[in-house]
Amino acid sequence: MLTRTGIFDIDDIFNNALGALIGYGAVMAVLSIIKPVKGKVLKTVGFLSPLIVTVAAFTGIFVCYSNKEFGNNSYAYNYKLDLKNTRIELNISLKDNKDLVPIYKAPTYSKDEAVS
């Protein structure tokens, strides 16, 4: 975002904040296990709660999708089709001469054009 290169989305902020929160919680959980502190178990679970909530959310998402009829990008099909005796007909004619067509190229803008 600062260098204005690449693509920046709002989910980058969410993902980075969640990653930082999980990393901080993991480090603090290890430190609370190592140091003799009163209420060690409760503090450790508290520090690991972002990780636990994230894992539980993703587990719920995967379980939900795997129980749907077609799922999310399912790999198991529900029925087979025998296409061995399928006949395909194409009723078009192609031109004899070849046309040159341009390849799509995204427009480039100067800094002033991009800001306005």
N, C-alpha and C. Protein backbone atom coordinates (compact mmCIF):
# COMPACT_ATOMS: atom_id res chain seq x y z
N MET A 1 0.83 -1.18 0.00
CA MET A 1 0.00 0.00 0.00
C MET A 1 0.88 1.25 0.00
N LEU A 2 1.95 1.23 0.75
CA LEU A 2 2.79 2.41 0.83
C LEU A 2 3.56 2.67 -0.46
N THR A 3 4.01 1.59 -1.12
CA THR A 3 4.78 1.75 -2.35
C THR A 3 3.91 1.84 -3.59
N ARG A 4 2.61 1.63 -3.42
CA ARG A 4 1.63 1.68 -4.51
C ARG A 4 1.96 0.68 -5.62
N THR A 5 2.48 -0.47 -5.24
CA THR A 5 2.71 -1.55 -6.21
C THR A 5 1.88 -2.75 -5.77
N GLY A 6 1.47 -3.55 -6.73
CA GLY A 6 0.67 -4.72 -6.39
C GLY A 6 -0.79 -4.36 -6.16
N ILE A 7 -1.49 -5.30 -5.58
CA ILE A 7 -2.92 -5.12 -5.33
C ILE A 7 -3.14 -5.16 -3.82
N PHE A 8 -3.91 -4.24 -3.32
CA PHE A 8 -4.19 -4.16 -1.89
C PHE A 8 -5.69 -4.24 -1.70
N ASP A 9 -6.12 -5.20 -0.89
CA ASP A 9 -7.54 -5.37 -0.60
C ASP A 9 -7.76 -5.23 0.90
N ILE A 10 -9.00 -4.99 1.27
CA ILE A 10 -9.34 -4.84 2.68
C ILE A 10 -9.14 -6.15 3.43
N ASP A 11 -9.26 -7.30 2.73
CA ASP A 11 -9.05 -8.56 3.42
C ASP A 11 -7.58 -8.76 3.80
N ASP A 12 -6.66 -8.02 3.17
CA ASP A 12 -5.26 -8.06 3.60
C ASP A 12 -5.12 -7.56 5.03
N ILE A 13 -5.85 -6.50 5.35
CA ILE A 13 -5.80 -5.97 6.71
C ILE A 13 -6.34 -7.00 7.69
N PHE A 14 -7.48 -7.62 7.34
CA PHE A 14 -8.08 -8.62 8.22
C PHE A 14 -7.15 -9.82 8.40
N ASN A 15 -6.61 -10.35 7.30
CA ASN A 15 -5.74 -11.52 7.39
C ASN A 15 -4.46 -11.23 8.18
N ASN A 16 -3.86 -10.07 7.94
CA ASN A 16 -2.64 -9.72 8.67
C ASN A 16 -2.92 -9.48 10.16
N ALA A 17 -4.03 -8.85 10.47
CA ALA A 17 -4.37 -8.63 11.87
C ALA A 17 -4.66 -9.95 12.58
N LEU A 18 -5.39 -10.85 11.92
CA LEU A 18 -5.67 -12.16 12.50
C LEU A 18 -4.38 -12.96 12.68
N GLY A 19 -3.49 -12.91 11.70
CA GLY A 19 -2.21 -13.61 11.82
C GLY A 19 -1.36 -13.06 12.95
N ALA A 20 -1.34 -11.74 13.10
CA ALA A 20 -0.59 -11.13 14.19
C ALA A 20 -1.19 -11.51 15.54
N LEU A 21 -2.51 -11.52 15.62
CA LEU A 21 -3.19 -11.90 16.87
C LEU A 21 -2.91 -13.35 17.24
N ILE A 22 -2.95 -14.25 16.26
CA ILE A 22 -2.66 -15.66 16.52
C ILE A 22 -1.19 -15.83 16.91
N GLY A 23 -0.29 -15.14 16.21
CA GLY A 23 1.14 -15.24 16.55
C GLY A 23 1.43 -14.71 17.94
N TYR A 24 0.85 -13.57 18.28
CA TYR A 24 1.03 -13.01 19.62
C TYR A 24 0.48 -13.96 20.68
N GLY A 25 -0.70 -14.52 20.40
CA GLY A 25 -1.30 -15.46 21.36
C GLY A 25 -0.46 -16.70 21.54
N ALA A 26 0.12 -17.21 20.45
CA ALA A 26 0.97 -18.41 20.55
C ALA A 26 2.22 -18.13 21.37
N VAL A 27 2.86 -16.98 21.14
CA VAL A 27 4.06 -16.63 21.91
C VAL A 27 3.72 -16.43 23.38
N MET A 28 2.64 -15.73 23.66
CA MET A 28 2.26 -15.49 25.05
C MET A 28 1.83 -16.80 25.74
N ALA A 29 1.22 -17.73 24.99
CA ALA A 29 0.84 -19.02 25.57
C ALA A 29 2.08 -19.81 25.96
N VAL A 30 3.09 -19.81 25.08
CA VAL A 30 4.34 -20.50 25.42
C VAL A 30 5.01 -19.86 26.62
N LEU A 31 5.04 -18.53 26.65
CA LEU A 31 5.65 -17.83 27.79
C LEU A 31 4.87 -18.09 29.08
N SER A 32 3.55 -18.17 29.01
CA SER A 32 2.77 -18.43 30.23
C SER A 32 2.94 -19.87 30.71
N ILE A 33 3.25 -20.79 29.79
CA ILE A 33 3.53 -22.17 30.20
C ILE A 33 4.89 -22.26 30.86
N ILE A 34 5.86 -21.54 30.31
CA ILE A 34 7.23 -21.60 30.84
C ILE A 34 7.34 -20.93 32.20
N LYS A 35 6.76 -19.75 32.36
CA LYS A 35 6.86 -19.01 33.62
C LYS A 35 5.88 -19.58 34.65
N PRO A 36 6.30 -19.67 35.88
CA PRO A 36 5.37 -20.09 36.93
C PRO A 36 4.41 -18.95 37.29
N VAL A 37 3.18 -19.03 36.77
CA VAL A 37 2.19 -17.98 36.98
C VAL A 37 0.93 -18.62 37.55
N LYS A 38 0.25 -17.88 38.42
CA LYS A 38 -1.00 -18.36 38.97
C LYS A 38 -2.08 -18.31 37.88
N GLY A 39 -2.89 -19.36 37.79
CA GLY A 39 -3.93 -19.43 36.76
C GLY A 39 -3.33 -19.68 35.38
N LYS A 40 -2.32 -20.55 35.32
CA LYS A 40 -1.59 -20.80 34.09
C LYS A 40 -2.49 -21.36 32.98
N VAL A 41 -3.34 -22.31 33.32
CA VAL A 41 -4.17 -22.96 32.32
C VAL A 41 -5.16 -21.96 31.71
N LEU A 42 -5.80 -21.16 32.55
CA LEU A 42 -6.77 -20.19 32.07
C LEU A 42 -6.11 -19.14 31.18
N LYS A 43 -4.93 -18.68 31.54
CA LYS A 43 -4.23 -17.70 30.72
C LYS A 43 -3.80 -18.31 29.39
N THR A 44 -3.32 -19.55 29.44
CA THR A 44 -2.88 -20.20 28.21
C THR A 44 -4.05 -20.38 27.25
N VAL A 45 -5.19 -20.83 27.74
CA VAL A 45 -6.38 -20.98 26.90
C VAL A 45 -6.83 -19.62 26.38
N GLY A 46 -6.73 -18.60 27.21
CA GLY A 46 -7.10 -17.25 26.78
C GLY A 46 -6.21 -16.75 25.66
N PHE A 47 -4.90 -17.00 25.78
CA PHE A 47 -3.99 -16.57 24.72
C PHE A 47 -4.19 -17.37 23.44
N LEU A 48 -4.57 -18.63 23.57
CA LEU A 48 -4.78 -19.47 22.39
C LEU A 48 -6.19 -19.35 21.81
N SER A 49 -7.05 -18.55 22.43
CA SER A 49 -8.44 -18.45 21.97
C SER A 49 -8.57 -17.95 20.52
N PRO A 50 -7.77 -16.98 20.03
CA PRO A 50 -7.90 -16.62 18.61
C PRO A 50 -7.60 -17.80 17.68
N LEU A 51 -6.60 -18.59 18.03
CA LEU A 51 -6.27 -19.77 17.23
C LEU A 51 -7.40 -20.80 17.31
N ILE A 52 -7.92 -21.02 18.49
CA ILE A 52 -8.99 -22.00 18.67
C ILE A 52 -10.24 -21.58 17.91
N VAL A 53 -10.60 -20.30 17.98
CA VAL A 53 -11.78 -19.80 17.27
C VAL A 53 -11.58 -19.91 15.76
N THR A 54 -10.39 -19.58 15.26
CA THR A 54 -10.11 -19.67 13.83
C THR A 54 -10.18 -21.11 13.34
N VAL A 55 -9.57 -22.03 14.07
CA VAL A 55 -9.61 -23.45 13.69
C VAL A 55 -11.04 -23.97 13.74
N ALA A 56 -11.80 -23.58 14.76
CA ALA A 56 -13.20 -24.03 14.86
C ALA A 56 -14.04 -23.47 13.71
N ALA A 57 -13.80 -22.21 13.33
CA ALA A 57 -14.56 -21.61 12.22
C ALA A 57 -14.26 -22.32 10.91
N PHE A 58 -12.98 -22.55 10.62
CA PHE A 58 -12.63 -23.23 9.37
C PHE A 58 -13.11 -24.68 9.37
N THR A 59 -13.06 -25.34 10.51
CA THR A 59 -13.58 -26.71 10.59
C THR A 59 -15.08 -26.71 10.30
N GLY A 60 -15.80 -25.76 10.86
CA GLY A 60 -17.23 -25.65 10.60
C GLY A 60 -17.53 -25.39 9.14
N ILE A 61 -16.73 -24.53 8.51
CA ILE A 61 -16.93 -24.23 7.08
C ILE A 61 -16.71 -25.48 6.25
N PHE A 62 -15.61 -26.21 6.51
CA PHE A 62 -15.31 -27.41 5.73
C PHE A 62 -16.35 -28.50 5.95
N VAL A 63 -16.82 -28.66 7.17
CA VAL A 63 -17.85 -29.67 7.45
C VAL A 63 -19.15 -29.28 6.75
N CYS A 64 -19.50 -28.01 6.79
CA CYS A 64 -20.72 -27.54 6.13
C CYS A 64 -20.66 -27.79 4.63
N TYR A 65 -19.57 -27.45 4.00
CA TYR A 65 -19.45 -27.65 2.55
C TYR A 65 -19.39 -29.12 2.17
N SER A 66 -18.74 -29.94 2.98
CA SER A 66 -18.65 -31.36 2.63
C SER A 66 -19.98 -32.07 2.79
N ASN A 67 -20.90 -31.52 3.59
CA ASN A 67 -22.21 -32.14 3.76
C ASN A 67 -23.24 -31.65 2.75
N LYS A 68 -22.89 -30.64 1.93
CA LYS A 68 -23.81 -30.17 0.90
C LYS A 68 -23.83 -31.16 -0.25
N GLU A 69 -24.88 -31.08 -1.05
CA GLU A 69 -25.04 -32.04 -2.14
C GLU A 69 -23.87 -31.99 -3.12
N PHE A 70 -23.51 -30.81 -3.55
CA PHE A 70 -22.39 -30.68 -4.48
C PHE A 70 -21.14 -30.15 -3.81
N GLY A 71 -21.24 -29.69 -2.58
CA GLY A 71 -20.08 -29.22 -1.84
C GLY A 71 -19.46 -28.00 -2.48
N ASN A 72 -18.27 -27.72 -2.10
CA ASN A 72 -17.51 -26.62 -2.65
C ASN A 72 -16.36 -27.23 -3.45
N ASN A 73 -16.47 -27.17 -4.77
CA ASN A 73 -15.50 -27.82 -5.66
C ASN A 73 -15.39 -29.30 -5.33
N SER A 74 -16.51 -29.96 -5.32
CA SER A 74 -16.52 -31.36 -4.90
C SER A 74 -15.73 -32.21 -5.88
N TYR A 75 -15.13 -33.22 -5.37
CA TYR A 75 -14.33 -34.12 -6.18
C TYR A 75 -15.06 -35.43 -6.44
N ALA A 76 -16.12 -35.69 -5.72
CA ALA A 76 -16.89 -36.92 -5.89
C ALA A 76 -18.15 -36.58 -6.68
N TYR A 77 -18.33 -37.23 -7.81
CA TYR A 77 -19.51 -36.96 -8.61
C TYR A 77 -20.67 -37.81 -8.11
N ASN A 78 -21.88 -37.38 -8.42
CA ASN A 78 -23.07 -38.07 -7.96
C ASN A 78 -23.57 -39.11 -8.96
N TYR A 79 -23.24 -38.96 -10.21
CA TYR A 79 -23.72 -39.88 -11.23
C TYR A 79 -22.71 -39.91 -12.38
N LYS A 80 -22.77 -40.98 -13.16
CA LYS A 80 -21.89 -41.12 -14.32
C LYS A 80 -22.73 -41.01 -15.59
N LEU A 81 -22.12 -40.48 -16.63
CA LEU A 81 -22.73 -40.45 -17.95
C LEU A 81 -21.85 -41.22 -18.90
N ASP A 82 -22.46 -42.09 -19.69
CA ASP A 82 -21.71 -42.84 -20.68
C ASP A 82 -21.71 -42.04 -21.98
N LEU A 83 -20.59 -41.45 -22.33
CA LEU A 83 -20.49 -40.62 -23.52
C LEU A 83 -19.78 -41.34 -24.66
N LYS A 84 -19.70 -42.64 -24.57
CA LYS A 84 -19.00 -43.43 -25.57
C LYS A 84 -19.66 -43.31 -26.94
N ASN A 85 -20.96 -43.32 -27.02
CA ASN A 85 -21.68 -43.28 -28.29
C ASN A 85 -22.21 -41.89 -28.63
N THR A 86 -21.60 -40.87 -28.09
CA THR A 86 -22.03 -39.50 -28.34
C THR A 86 -21.52 -39.02 -29.70
N ARG A 87 -22.38 -38.36 -30.44
CA ARG A 87 -22.01 -37.82 -31.75
C ARG A 87 -22.10 -36.31 -31.69
N ILE A 88 -21.04 -35.64 -32.11
CA ILE A 88 -20.99 -34.18 -32.08
C ILE A 88 -20.97 -33.67 -33.51
N GLU A 89 -21.86 -32.77 -33.83
CA GLU A 89 -21.91 -32.16 -35.16
C GLU A 89 -21.68 -30.68 -35.02
N LEU A 90 -20.91 -30.16 -35.97
CA LEU A 90 -20.59 -28.74 -35.95
C LEU A 90 -20.95 -28.18 -37.32
N ASN A 91 -21.92 -27.31 -37.38
CA ASN A 91 -22.41 -26.76 -38.65
C ASN A 91 -21.94 -25.32 -38.84
N ILE A 92 -20.65 -25.14 -38.92
CA ILE A 92 -20.10 -23.81 -39.18
C ILE A 92 -19.06 -23.94 -40.28
N SER A 93 -18.78 -22.84 -40.92
CA SER A 93 -17.71 -22.83 -41.92
C SER A 93 -16.69 -21.78 -41.51
N LEU A 94 -15.45 -22.12 -41.68
CA LEU A 94 -14.37 -21.21 -41.31
C LEU A 94 -13.90 -20.45 -42.53
N LYS A 95 -13.45 -19.22 -42.33
CA LYS A 95 -12.95 -18.42 -43.44
C LYS A 95 -11.59 -18.96 -43.88
N ASP A 96 -11.33 -18.80 -45.17
CA ASP A 96 -10.05 -19.26 -45.70
C ASP A 96 -8.91 -18.29 -45.35
N ASN A 97 -9.21 -17.00 -45.31
CA ASN A 97 -8.16 -16.03 -44.98
C ASN A 97 -8.07 -15.84 -43.47
N LYS A 98 -6.88 -15.56 -43.02
CA LYS A 98 -6.66 -15.37 -41.58
C LYS A 98 -6.65 -13.88 -41.27
N ASP A 99 -7.36 -13.49 -40.26
CA ASP A 99 -7.37 -12.11 -39.83
C ASP A 99 -6.42 -11.95 -38.65
N LEU A 100 -5.71 -10.86 -38.64
CA LEU A 100 -4.86 -10.54 -37.49
C LEU A 100 -5.70 -9.75 -36.50
N VAL A 101 -5.67 -10.17 -35.28
CA VAL A 101 -6.44 -9.49 -34.25
C VAL A 101 -5.49 -9.06 -33.14
N PRO A 102 -5.76 -7.92 -32.52
CA PRO A 102 -4.86 -7.47 -31.45
C PRO A 102 -5.08 -8.28 -30.18
N ILE A 103 -4.04 -8.43 -29.44
CA ILE A 103 -4.12 -9.09 -28.14
C ILE A 103 -4.46 -8.02 -27.11
N TYR A 104 -5.34 -8.38 -26.20
CA TYR A 104 -5.76 -7.40 -25.19
C TYR A 104 -4.58 -6.99 -24.33
N LYS A 105 -4.44 -5.71 -24.15
CA LYS A 105 -3.41 -5.16 -23.27
C LYS A 105 -4.07 -4.10 -22.41
N ALA A 106 -3.89 -4.23 -21.12
CA ALA A 106 -4.49 -3.27 -20.19
C ALA A 106 -3.86 -1.90 -20.41
N PRO A 107 -4.65 -0.85 -20.33
CA PRO A 107 -4.09 0.48 -20.52
C PRO A 107 -3.18 0.87 -19.37
N THR A 108 -2.18 1.66 -19.69
CA THR A 108 -1.28 2.17 -18.66
C THR A 108 -1.56 3.65 -18.49
N TYR A 109 -1.48 4.11 -17.26
CA TYR A 109 -1.78 5.49 -16.94
C TYR A 109 -0.59 6.13 -16.24
N SER A 110 -0.48 7.45 -16.40
CA SER A 110 0.52 8.17 -15.63
C SER A 110 -0.01 8.37 -14.22
N LYS A 111 0.82 8.86 -13.35
CA LYS A 111 0.40 9.06 -11.96
C LYS A 111 -0.76 10.05 -11.88
N ASP A 112 -0.72 11.10 -12.67
CA ASP A 112 -1.79 12.09 -12.65
C ASP A 112 -3.11 11.52 -13.18
N GLU A 113 -3.03 10.73 -14.23
CA GLU A 113 -4.24 10.12 -14.78
C GLU A 113 -4.85 9.10 -13.83
N ALA A 114 -4.01 8.36 -13.11
CA ALA A 114 -4.50 7.34 -12.20
C ALA A 114 -5.17 7.94 -10.97
N VAL A 115 -4.70 9.09 -10.53
CA VAL A 115 -5.26 9.74 -9.33
C VAL A 115 -6.61 10.36 -9.63
N SER A 116 -6.76 10.92 -10.82
CA SER A 116 -8.01 11.62 -11.12
C SER A 116 -9.11 10.68 -11.49
